[in-house]
Amino acid sequence: MDRQTLSIMKACEVVGVSRRTIYNWISAGKVEYVRTAGGSIRIFADSLWRSPGVPAADAQAVPVPTHAAAVQRNT
Protein backbone atom coordinates (compact mmCIF):
# COMPACT_ATOMS: atom_id res chain seq x y z
CA MET A 1 0.00 0.00 0.00
CA ASP A 2 1.42 3.38 -0.98
CA ARG A 3 1.16 6.21 1.50
CA GLN A 4 -0.48 9.40 0.29
CA THR A 5 1.74 12.47 0.16
CA LEU A 6 0.90 16.15 0.04
CA SER A 7 2.83 19.18 -1.11
CA ILE A 8 3.82 21.69 1.56
CA MET A 9 1.12 24.10 0.38
CA LYS A 10 -1.58 21.41 0.30
CA ALA A 11 -0.59 20.27 3.80
CA CYS A 12 -0.93 23.91 4.96
CA GLU A 13 -4.41 24.15 3.46
CA VAL A 14 -5.59 20.82 4.86
CA VAL A 15 -4.35 21.39 8.40
CA GLY A 16 -4.89 25.15 8.48
CA VAL A 17 -1.37 26.26 9.40
CA SER A 18 1.33 28.34 7.75
CA ARG A 19 4.25 27.07 5.67
CA ARG A 20 6.59 28.06 8.49
CA THR A 21 4.66 25.80 10.87
CA ILE A 22 4.99 22.85 8.49
CA TYR A 23 8.75 23.46 8.19
CA ASN A 24 8.99 23.71 11.99
CA TRP A 25 7.15 20.39 12.31
CA ILE A 26 9.58 18.83 9.82
CA SER A 27 12.57 20.13 11.80
CA ALA A 28 11.08 18.88 15.06
CA GLY A 29 10.29 15.45 13.61
CA LYS A 30 6.54 15.90 14.13
CA VAL A 31 5.68 14.94 10.54
CA GLU A 32 7.21 12.48 8.14
CA TYR A 33 8.29 13.57 4.70
CA VAL A 34 10.18 12.51 1.62
CA ARG A 35 12.21 14.49 -0.89
CA THR A 36 11.39 13.95 -4.54
CA ALA A 37 14.06 13.48 -7.21
CA GLY A 38 13.62 17.17 -8.04
CA GLY A 39 14.25 18.20 -4.42
CA SER A 40 10.67 19.05 -3.44
CA ILE A 41 9.35 17.99 -0.06
CA ARG A 42 6.22 15.83 0.15
CA ILE A 43 4.50 15.33 3.51
CA PHE A 44 3.01 11.93 4.36
CA ALA A 45 -0.67 12.72 4.94
CA ASP A 46 -1.10 10.16 7.71
CA SER A 47 1.66 11.82 9.76
CA LEU A 48 -0.33 15.08 9.94
CA TRP A 49 -2.92 13.50 12.26
CA ARG A 50 -1.02 10.93 14.26
CA SER A 51 -0.42 11.35 17.96
CA PRO A 52 3.06 12.59 18.87
CA GLY A 53 5.42 9.73 19.63
CA VAL A 54 3.33 7.14 17.76
CA PRO A 55 5.15 5.63 14.77
CA ALA A 56 3.26 6.02 11.49
CA ALA A 57 2.97 2.23 11.13
CA ASP A 58 0.99 2.11 14.40
CA ALA A 59 -1.24 5.09 13.63
CA GLN A 60 -4.75 4.53 12.39
CA ALA A 61 -5.51 5.61 8.85
CA VAL A 62 -7.31 8.94 8.71
CA PRO A 63 -8.91 10.06 5.46
CA VAL A 64 -7.49 13.27 4.03
CA PRO A 65 -10.14 15.96 3.47
CA THR A 66 -10.54 17.10 -0.12
CA HIS A 67 -10.17 20.77 0.81
CA ALA A 68 -9.30 22.99 3.75
CA ALA A 69 -12.93 23.84 4.56
CA ALA A 70 -13.47 20.21 5.51
CA VAL A 71 -11.06 20.55 8.45
CA GLN A 72 -11.91 22.46 11.60
CA ARG A 73 -9.35 22.71 14.34
CA ASN A 74 -10.03 23.72 17.90
CA THR A 75 -7.06 25.60 19.30
PDB file of N, CA and C in Angstrom:
ATOM      1  N   MET A   1       0.839  -1.171   0.000  1.00  0.00           N
ATOM      2  CA  MET A   1       0.000   0.000   0.000  1.00  0.00           C
ATOM      3  C   MET A   1       0.892   1.246   0.000  1.00  0.00           C
ATOM      4  N   ASP A   2       0.675   2.138  -0.922  1.00  0.00           N
ATOM      5  CA  ASP A   2       1.423   3.385  -0.982  1.00  0.00           C
ATOM      6  C   ASP A   2       0.791   4.403  -0.050  1.00  0.00           C
ATOM      7  N   ARG A   3       1.641   5.150   0.618  1.00  0.00           N
ATOM      8  CA  ARG A   3       1.159   6.214   1.504  1.00  0.00           C
ATOM      9  C   ARG A   3       0.919   7.470   0.690  1.00  0.00           C
ATOM     10  N   GLN A   4      -0.146   8.171   1.000  1.00  0.00           N
ATOM     11  CA  GLN A   4      -0.477   9.397   0.285  1.00  0.00           C
ATOM     12  C   GLN A   4       0.432  10.521   0.765  1.00  0.00           C
ATOM     13  N   THR A   5       0.922  11.311  -0.189  1.00  0.00           N
ATOM     14  CA  THR A   5       1.744  12.465   0.161  1.00  0.00           C
ATOM     15  C   THR A   5       1.074  13.746  -0.306  1.00  0.00           C
ATOM     16  N   LEU A   6       1.440  14.836   0.359  1.00  0.00           N
ATOM     17  CA  LEU A   6       0.900  16.152   0.041  1.00  0.00           C
ATOM     18  C   LEU A   6       2.055  17.130  -0.140  1.00  0.00           C
ATOM     19  N   SER A   7       1.853  18.109  -0.999  1.00  0.00           N
ATOM     20  CA  SER A   7       2.831  19.181  -1.107  1.00  0.00           C
ATOM     21  C   SER A   7       2.785  20.008   0.178  1.00  0.00           C
ATOM     22  N   ILE A   8       3.806  20.812   0.385  1.00  0.00           N
ATOM     23  CA  ILE A   8       3.823  21.691   1.556  1.00  0.00           C
ATOM     24  C   ILE A   8       2.581  22.579   1.572  1.00  0.00           C
ATOM     25  N   MET A   9       2.270  23.189   0.439  1.00  0.00           N
ATOM     26  CA  MET A   9       1.125  24.097   0.380  1.00  0.00           C
ATOM     27  C   MET A   9      -0.198  23.370   0.630  1.00  0.00           C
ATOM     28  N   LYS A  10      -0.349  22.178   0.080  1.00  0.00           N
ATOM     29  CA  LYS A  10      -1.581  21.415   0.298  1.00  0.00           C
ATOM     30  C   LYS A  10      -1.698  21.009   1.764  1.00  0.00           C
ATOM     31  N   ALA A  11      -0.580  20.620   2.379  1.00  0.00           N
ATOM     32  CA  ALA A  11      -0.593  20.273   3.805  1.00  0.00           C
ATOM     33  C   ALA A  11      -1.013  21.486   4.636  1.00  0.00           C
ATOM     34  N   CYS A  12      -0.532  22.666   4.266  1.00  0.00           N
ATOM     35  CA  CYS A  12      -0.926  23.907   4.960  1.00  0.00           C
ATOM     36  C   CYS A  12      -2.429  24.117   4.878  1.00  0.00           C
ATOM     37  N   GLU A  13      -2.975  23.953   3.675  1.00  0.00           N
ATOM     38  CA  GLU A  13      -4.408  24.150   3.464  1.00  0.00           C
ATOM     39  C   GLU A  13      -5.235  23.148   4.254  1.00  0.00           C
ATOM     40  N   VAL A  14      -4.823  21.888   4.219  1.00  0.00           N
ATOM     41  CA  VAL A  14      -5.592  20.823   4.862  1.00  0.00           C
ATOM     42  C   VAL A  14      -5.605  20.975   6.372  1.00  0.00           C
ATOM     43  N   VAL A  15      -4.456  21.318   6.950  1.00  0.00           N
ATOM     44  CA  VAL A  15      -4.351  21.394   8.400  1.00  0.00           C
ATOM     45  C   VAL A  15      -4.668  22.789   8.924  1.00  0.00           C
ATOM     46  N   GLY A  16      -4.569  23.799   8.070  1.00  0.00           N
ATOM     47  CA  GLY A  16      -4.893  25.151   8.478  1.00  0.00           C
ATOM     48  C   GLY A  16      -3.771  25.866   9.214  1.00  0.00           C
ATOM     49  N   VAL A  17      -2.535  25.599   8.795  1.00  0.00           N
ATOM     50  CA  VAL A  17      -1.374  26.256   9.403  1.00  0.00           C
ATOM     51  C   VAL A  17      -0.535  26.902   8.309  1.00  0.00           C
ATOM     52  N   SER A  18       0.464  27.674   8.715  1.00  0.00           N
ATOM     53  CA  SER A  18       1.333  28.340   7.753  1.00  0.00           C
ATOM     54  C   SER A  18       2.442  27.403   7.256  1.00  0.00           C
ATOM     55  N   ARG A  19       3.093  27.831   6.185  1.00  0.00           N
ATOM     56  CA  ARG A  19       4.245  27.071   5.669  1.00  0.00           C
ATOM     57  C   ARG A  19       5.327  26.968   6.728  1.00  0.00           C
ATOM     58  N   ARG A  20       5.557  28.060   7.447  1.00  0.00           N
ATOM     59  CA  ARG A  20       6.595  28.063   8.489  1.00  0.00           C
ATOM     60  C   ARG A  20       6.307  26.983   9.527  1.00  0.00           C
ATOM     61  N   THR A  21       5.039  26.831   9.897  1.00  0.00           N
ATOM     62  CA  THR A  21       4.663  25.805  10.875  1.00  0.00           C
ATOM     63  C   THR A  21       4.985  24.420  10.346  1.00  0.00           C
ATOM     64  N   ILE A  22       4.668  24.155   9.083  1.00  0.00           N
ATOM     65  CA  ILE A  22       4.987  22.846   8.491  1.00  0.00           C
ATOM     66  C   ILE A  22       6.489  22.600   8.527  1.00  0.00           C
ATOM     67  N   TYR A  23       7.287  23.613   8.152  1.00  0.00           N
ATOM     68  CA  TYR A  23       8.747  23.463   8.187  1.00  0.00           C
ATOM     69  C   TYR A  23       9.242  23.259   9.625  1.00  0.00           C
ATOM     70  N   ASN A  24       8.626  23.925  10.576  1.00  0.00           N
ATOM     71  CA  ASN A  24       8.991  23.711  11.986  1.00  0.00           C
ATOM     72  C   ASN A  24       8.673  22.281  12.409  1.00  0.00           C
ATOM     73  N   TRP A  25       7.518  21.775  11.988  1.00  0.00           N
ATOM     74  CA  TRP A  25       7.154  20.389  12.307  1.00  0.00           C
ATOM     75  C   TRP A  25       8.135  19.411  11.689  1.00  0.00           C
ATOM     76  N   ILE A  26       8.581  19.693  10.466  1.00  0.00           N
ATOM     77  CA  ILE A  26       9.575  18.831   9.819  1.00  0.00           C
ATOM     78  C   ILE A  26      10.853  18.822  10.645  1.00  0.00           C
ATOM     79  N   SER A  27      11.330  20.013  11.017  1.00  0.00           N
ATOM     80  CA  SER A  27      12.571  20.127  11.796  1.00  0.00           C
ATOM     81  C   SER A  27      12.470  19.429  13.148  1.00  0.00           C
ATOM     82  N   ALA A  28      11.290  19.487  13.743  1.00  0.00           N
ATOM     83  CA  ALA A  28      11.081  18.880  15.060  1.00  0.00           C
ATOM     84  C   ALA A  28      10.758  17.393  14.977  1.00  0.00           C
ATOM     85  N   GLY A  29      10.613  16.863  13.767  1.00  0.00           N
ATOM     86  CA  GLY A  29      10.290  15.449  13.607  1.00  0.00           C
ATOM     87  C   GLY A  29       8.835  15.121  13.877  1.00  0.00           C
ATOM     88  N   LYS A  30       7.966  16.119  13.843  1.00  0.00           N
ATOM     89  CA  LYS A  30       6.545  15.898  14.128  1.00  0.00           C
ATOM     90  C   LYS A  30       5.775  15.340  12.944  1.00  0.00           C
ATOM     91  N   VAL A  31       6.298  15.513  11.731  1.00  0.00           N
ATOM     92  CA  VAL A  31       5.676  14.940  10.538  1.00  0.00           C
ATOM     93  C   VAL A  31       6.746  14.202   9.740  1.00  0.00           C
ATOM     94  N   GLU A  32       6.300  13.216   9.001  1.00  0.00           N
ATOM     95  CA  GLU A  32       7.210  12.476   8.142  1.00  0.00           C
ATOM     96  C   GLU A  32       7.130  13.036   6.735  1.00  0.00           C
ATOM     97  N   TYR A  33       8.244  13.017   6.047  1.00  0.00           N
ATOM     98  CA  TYR A  33       8.286  13.567   4.702  1.00  0.00           C
ATOM     99  C   TYR A  33       9.285  12.800   3.853  1.00  0.00           C
ATOM    100  N   VAL A  34       9.237  13.088   2.563  1.00  0.00           N
ATOM    101  CA  VAL A  34      10.185  12.511   1.617  1.00  0.00           C
ATOM    102  C   VAL A  34      10.561  13.611   0.633  1.00  0.00           C
ATOM    103  N   ARG A  35      11.778  13.560   0.159  1.00  0.00           N
ATOM    104  CA  ARG A  35      12.208  14.488  -0.888  1.00  0.00           C
ATOM    105  C   ARG A  35      12.070  13.786  -2.226  1.00  0.00           C
ATOM    106  N   THR A  36      11.526  14.505  -3.198  1.00  0.00           N
ATOM    107  CA  THR A  36      11.393  13.947  -4.544  1.00  0.00           C
ATOM    108  C   THR A  36      12.738  14.038  -5.259  1.00  0.00           C
ATOM    109  N   ALA A  37      12.830  13.421  -6.421  1.00  0.00           N
ATOM    110  CA  ALA A  37      14.061  13.478  -7.214  1.00  0.00           C
ATOM    111  C   ALA A  37      14.410  14.919  -7.573  1.00  0.00           C
ATOM    112  N   GLY A  38      13.407  15.765  -7.714  1.00  0.00           N
ATOM    113  CA  GLY A  38      13.624  17.171  -8.042  1.00  0.00           C
ATOM    114  C   GLY A  38      13.934  18.042  -6.833  1.00  0.00           C
ATOM    115  N   GLY A  39      13.912  17.462  -5.632  1.00  0.00           N
ATOM    116  CA  GLY A  39      14.252  18.199  -4.420  1.00  0.00           C
ATOM    117  C   GLY A  39      13.075  18.755  -3.645  1.00  0.00           C
ATOM    118  N   SER A  40      11.854  18.568  -4.154  1.00  0.00           N
ATOM    119  CA  SER A  40      10.672  19.050  -3.440  1.00  0.00           C
ATOM    120  C   SER A  40      10.401  18.164  -2.228  1.00  0.00           C
ATOM    121  N   ILE A  41       9.736  18.736  -1.254  1.00  0.00           N
ATOM    122  CA  ILE A  41       9.352  17.985  -0.059  1.00  0.00           C
ATOM    123  C   ILE A  41       7.888  17.588  -0.187  1.00  0.00           C
ATOM    124  N   ARG A  42       7.585  16.327   0.111  1.00  0.00           N
ATOM    125  CA  ARG A  42       6.216  15.827   0.149  1.00  0.00           C
ATOM    126  C   ARG A  42       5.969  15.292   1.553  1.00  0.00           C
ATOM    127  N   ILE A  43       4.872  15.732   2.156  1.00  0.00           N
ATOM    128  CA  ILE A  43       4.500  15.326   3.511  1.00  0.00           C
ATOM    129  C   ILE A  43       3.614  14.091   3.438  1.00  0.00           C
ATOM    130  N   PHE A  44       3.891  13.090   4.277  1.00  0.00           N
ATOM    131  CA  PHE A  44       3.011  11.933   4.355  1.00  0.00           C
ATOM    132  C   PHE A  44       1.740  12.362   5.089  1.00  0.00           C
ATOM    133  N   ALA A  45       0.606  12.233   4.415  1.00  0.00           N
ATOM    134  CA  ALA A  45      -0.671  12.722   4.941  1.00  0.00           C
ATOM    135  C   ALA A  45      -1.015  12.095   6.281  1.00  0.00           C
ATOM    136  N   ASP A  46      -0.731  10.817   6.452  1.00  0.00           N
ATOM    137  CA  ASP A  46      -1.097  10.160   7.714  1.00  0.00           C
ATOM    138  C   ASP A  46      -0.283  10.679   8.895  1.00  0.00           C
ATOM    139  N   SER A  47       0.862  11.298   8.645  1.00  0.00           N
ATOM    140  CA  SER A  47       1.658  11.820   9.757  1.00  0.00           C
ATOM    141  C   SER A  47       1.142  13.167  10.246  1.00  0.00           C
ATOM    142  N   LEU A  48       0.238  13.810   9.507  1.00  0.00           N
ATOM    143  CA  LEU A  48      -0.328  15.082   9.943  1.00  0.00           C
ATOM    144  C   LEU A  48      -1.315  14.906  11.086  1.00  0.00           C
ATOM    145  N   TRP A  49      -1.891  13.718  11.248  1.00  0.00           N
ATOM    146  CA  TRP A  49      -2.920  13.495  12.262  1.00  0.00           C
ATOM    147  C   TRP A  49      -2.546  12.491  13.318  1.00  0.00           C
ATOM    148  N   ARG A  50      -1.368  11.935  13.255  1.00  0.00           N
ATOM    149  CA  ARG A  50      -1.024  10.928  14.255  1.00  0.00           C
ATOM    150  C   ARG A  50      -0.658  11.580  15.571  1.00  0.00           C
ATOM    151  N   SER A  51      -0.789  10.844  16.643  1.00  0.00           N
ATOM    152  CA  SER A  51      -0.422  11.350  17.961  1.00  0.00           C
ATOM    153  C   SER A  51       1.091  11.453  18.053  1.00  0.00           C
ATOM    154  N   PRO A  52       1.606  12.472  18.718  1.00  0.00           N
ATOM    155  CA  PRO A  52       3.057  12.589  18.869  1.00  0.00           C
ATOM    156  C   PRO A  52       3.635  11.354  19.546  1.00  0.00           C
ATOM    157  N   GLY A  53       4.744  10.884  19.049  1.00  0.00           N
ATOM    158  CA  GLY A  53       5.416   9.728  19.625  1.00  0.00           C
ATOM    159  C   GLY A  53       4.907   8.394  19.120  1.00  0.00           C
ATOM    160  N   VAL A  54       3.864   8.387  18.302  1.00  0.00           N
ATOM    161  CA  VAL A  54       3.334   7.136  17.759  1.00  0.00           C
ATOM    162  C   VAL A  54       3.893   6.947  16.354  1.00  0.00           C
ATOM    163  N   PRO A  55       4.633   5.864  16.123  1.00  0.00           N
ATOM    164  CA  PRO A  55       5.153   5.633  14.768  1.00  0.00           C
ATOM    165  C   PRO A  55       4.028   5.549  13.754  1.00  0.00           C
ATOM    166  N   ALA A  56       4.289   5.995  12.543  1.00  0.00           N
ATOM    167  CA  ALA A  56       3.260   6.021  11.495  1.00  0.00           C
ATOM    168  C   ALA A  56       2.673   4.643  11.242  1.00  0.00           C
ATOM    169  N   ALA A  57       3.464   3.589  11.371  1.00  0.00           N
ATOM    170  CA  ALA A  57       2.973   2.232  11.129  1.00  0.00           C
ATOM    171  C   ALA A  57       1.907   1.837  12.141  1.00  0.00           C
ATOM    172  N   ASP A  58       1.958   2.426  13.354  1.00  0.00           N
ATOM    173  CA  ASP A  58       0.987   2.106  14.400  1.00  0.00           C
ATOM    174  C   ASP A  58      -0.229   3.024  14.382  1.00  0.00           C
ATOM    175  N   ALA A  59      -0.138   4.123  13.665  1.00  0.00           N
ATOM    176  CA  ALA A  59      -1.238   5.092  13.629  1.00  0.00           C
ATOM    177  C   ALA A  59      -2.381   4.562  12.783  1.00  0.00           C
ATOM    178  N   GLN A  60      -3.594   4.930  13.176  1.00  0.00           N
ATOM    179  CA  GLN A  60      -4.753   4.532  12.392  1.00  0.00           C
ATOM    180  C   GLN A  60      -4.856   5.418  11.166  1.00  0.00           C
ATOM    181  N   ALA A  61      -5.340   4.848  10.083  1.00  0.00           N
ATOM    182  CA  ALA A  61      -5.506   5.613   8.854  1.00  0.00           C
ATOM    183  C   ALA A  61      -6.617   6.639   9.040  1.00  0.00           C
ATOM    184  N   VAL A  62      -6.339   7.859   8.631  1.00  0.00           N
ATOM    185  CA  VAL A  62      -7.312   8.938   8.713  1.00  0.00           C
ATOM    186  C   VAL A  62      -7.487   9.483   7.312  1.00  0.00           C
ATOM    187  N   PRO A  63      -8.720   9.537   6.807  1.00  0.00           N
ATOM    188  CA  PRO A  63      -8.910  10.064   5.455  1.00  0.00           C
ATOM    189  C   PRO A  63      -8.516  11.527   5.362  1.00  0.00           C
ATOM    190  N   VAL A  64      -7.913  11.895   4.253  1.00  0.00           N
ATOM    191  CA  VAL A  64      -7.495  13.274   4.035  1.00  0.00           C
ATOM    192  C   VAL A  64      -8.648  14.039   3.418  1.00  0.00           C
ATOM    193  N   PRO A  65      -9.049  15.160   4.037  1.00  0.00           N
ATOM    194  CA  PRO A  65     -10.142  15.955   3.473  1.00  0.00           C
ATOM    195  C   PRO A  65      -9.787  16.447   2.073  1.00  0.00           C
ATOM    196  N   THR A  66     -10.798  16.672   1.250  1.00  0.00           N
ATOM    197  CA  THR A  66     -10.543  17.099  -0.116  1.00  0.00           C
ATOM    198  C   THR A  66     -10.201  18.574  -0.204  1.00  0.00           C
ATOM    199  N   HIS A  67     -10.538  19.352   0.810  1.00  0.00           N
ATOM    200  CA  HIS A  67     -10.170  20.771   0.815  1.00  0.00           C
ATOM    201  C   HIS A  67     -10.123  21.283   2.241  1.00  0.00           C
ATOM    202  N   ALA A  68      -9.539  22.448   2.419  1.00  0.00           N
ATOM    203  CA  ALA A  68      -9.297  22.991   3.751  1.00  0.00           C
ATOM    204  C   ALA A  68     -10.588  23.244   4.527  1.00  0.00           C
ATOM    205  N   ALA A  69     -11.676  23.562   3.864  1.00  0.00           N
ATOM    206  CA  ALA A  69     -12.928  23.843   4.558  1.00  0.00           C
ATOM    207  C   ALA A  69     -13.465  22.603   5.282  1.00  0.00           C
ATOM    208  N   ALA A  70     -13.003  21.436   4.896  1.00  0.00           N
ATOM    209  CA  ALA A  70     -13.472  20.206   5.514  1.00  0.00           C
ATOM    210  C   ALA A  70     -12.816  19.975   6.878  1.00  0.00           C
ATOM    211  N   VAL A  71     -11.787  20.742   7.198  1.00  0.00           N
ATOM    212  CA  VAL A  71     -11.065  20.553   8.454  1.00  0.00           C
ATOM    213  C   VAL A  71     -11.332  21.726   9.374  1.00  0.00           C
ATOM    214  N   GLN A  72     -11.754  21.418  10.585  1.00  0.00           N
ATOM    215  CA  GLN A  72     -11.913  22.458  11.595  1.00  0.00           C
ATOM    216  C   GLN A  72     -11.066  22.059  12.766  1.00  0.00           C
ATOM    217  N   ARG A  73     -10.240  22.992  13.230  1.00  0.00           N
ATOM    218  CA  ARG A  73      -9.352  22.709  14.339  1.00  0.00           C
ATOM    219  C   ARG A  73      -9.753  23.579  15.515  1.00  0.00           C
ATOM    220  N   ASN A  74      -9.792  22.969  16.666  1.00  0.00           N
ATOM    221  CA  ASN A  74     -10.033  23.719  17.904  1.00  0.00           C
ATOM    222  C   ASN A  74      -8.678  24.001  18.535  1.00  0.00           C
ATOM    223  N   THR A  75      -8.362  25.259  18.687  1.00  0.00           N
ATOM    224  CA  THR A  75      -7.064  25.595  19.298  1.00  0.00           C
ATOM    225  C   THR A  75      -7.262  26.310  20.605  1.00  0.00           C
TER     226      THR A  75
END
